[in-house]
Amino acid sequence: MEKMETFIHTLVSPLVSRPEDISIQMEETDEFYDYHLSVHPEDVGRVIGKKGRIAKAMRTILYSIQIDAPKRVRLTIDD
């Protein structure tokens, strides 16, 4: 699942002004691989986008990735 964290970091890095503050934690549950994304407070709006469009697009990409497990991937943006 380290590849997924790297992929999320690659998606988010160009959007933020402080890429060094990107933090991604993975939590495994019975049904999901939950990824919690934290960025600098000034960058939260950039990651979410107008009306949540950027966040929705990132989630669509992540949800469509096939993984070798019956679990699904879920992304949460922490502010």
Protein backbone atom coordinates (compact mmCIF):
# COMPACT_ATOMS: atom_id res chain seq x y z
CA MET A 1 0.00 0.00 0.00
CA GLU A 2 3.05 2.22 0.01
CA LYS A 3 2.52 2.70 -3.72
CA MET A 4 -0.91 4.17 -3.03
CA GLU A 5 0.56 6.65 -0.55
CA THR A 6 3.16 7.65 -3.14
CA PHE A 7 0.43 8.06 -5.75
CA ILE A 8 -1.66 10.27 -3.44
CA HIS A 9 1.42 12.36 -2.66
CA THR A 10 2.08 12.72 -6.40
CA LEU A 11 -1.50 13.90 -6.99
CA VAL A 12 -1.48 16.42 -4.15
CA SER A 13 2.06 17.87 -4.40
CA PRO A 14 1.43 20.21 -7.37
CA LEU A 15 -1.70 21.61 -5.71
CA VAL A 16 -0.15 22.82 -2.46
CA SER A 17 2.28 25.61 -1.66
CA ARG A 18 3.96 23.59 1.11
CA PRO A 19 4.50 20.02 -0.12
CA GLU A 20 6.73 19.27 2.87
CA ASP A 21 3.62 19.46 5.11
CA ILE A 22 1.78 16.66 3.30
CA SER A 23 1.03 13.78 5.63
CA ILE A 24 -0.71 10.53 4.66
CA GLN A 25 -1.74 7.86 7.15
CA MET A 26 -3.32 4.55 6.20
CA GLU A 27 -5.79 2.75 8.42
CA GLU A 28 -7.07 -0.71 7.49
CA THR A 29 -10.62 -1.72 8.39
CA ASP A 30 -12.72 -4.75 7.47
CA GLU A 31 -14.00 -3.15 4.25
CA PHE A 32 -11.63 -0.31 3.43
CA TYR A 33 -8.10 0.96 3.22
CA ASP A 34 -8.70 4.43 4.69
CA TYR A 35 -6.15 7.06 3.71
CA HIS A 36 -6.14 10.24 5.79
CA LEU A 37 -4.56 13.20 4.01
CA SER A 38 -3.35 16.20 6.00
CA VAL A 39 -1.90 19.35 4.47
CA HIS A 40 -0.97 22.78 5.79
CA PRO A 41 -4.11 24.73 6.83
CA GLU A 42 -3.52 27.29 4.06
CA ASP A 43 -3.57 24.51 1.45
CA VAL A 44 -6.78 22.73 2.48
CA GLY A 45 -8.88 24.88 0.13
CA ARG A 46 -6.58 24.15 -2.78
CA VAL A 47 -6.84 20.40 -2.21
CA ILE A 48 -10.63 20.46 -1.87
CA GLY A 49 -11.22 22.91 -4.72
CA LYS A 50 -14.30 24.92 -5.63
CA LYS A 51 -17.41 23.01 -4.61
CA GLY A 52 -15.17 20.03 -3.80
CA ARG A 53 -14.34 19.33 -7.44
CA ILE A 54 -10.66 18.55 -6.96
CA ALA A 55 -11.33 16.30 -3.96
CA LYS A 56 -14.06 14.50 -5.91
CA ALA A 57 -11.74 13.99 -8.90
CA MET A 58 -8.96 12.60 -6.69
CA ARG A 59 -11.40 10.23 -4.98
CA THR A 60 -12.74 9.05 -8.34
CA ILE A 61 -9.21 8.22 -9.50
CA LEU A 62 -8.34 6.42 -6.25
CA TYR A 63 -11.61 4.47 -6.13
CA SER A 64 -11.09 3.24 -9.69
CA ILE A 65 -7.64 1.77 -9.02
CA GLN A 66 -7.75 -2.00 -8.82
CA ILE A 67 -5.96 -3.52 -5.86
CA ASP A 68 -5.33 -7.19 -5.12
CA ALA A 69 -7.77 -7.36 -2.24
CA PRO A 70 -11.52 -7.39 -1.69
CA LYS A 71 -11.21 -4.07 0.15
CA ARG A 72 -11.84 -0.66 -1.36
CA VAL A 73 -9.78 2.50 -1.04
CA ARG A 74 -11.21 5.57 0.70
CA LEU A 75 -9.65 9.05 0.98
CA THR A 76 -10.39 11.49 3.80
CA ILE A 77 -9.02 15.03 3.76
CA ASP A 78 -8.35 16.18 7.32
CA ASP A 79 -8.35 19.88 8.11
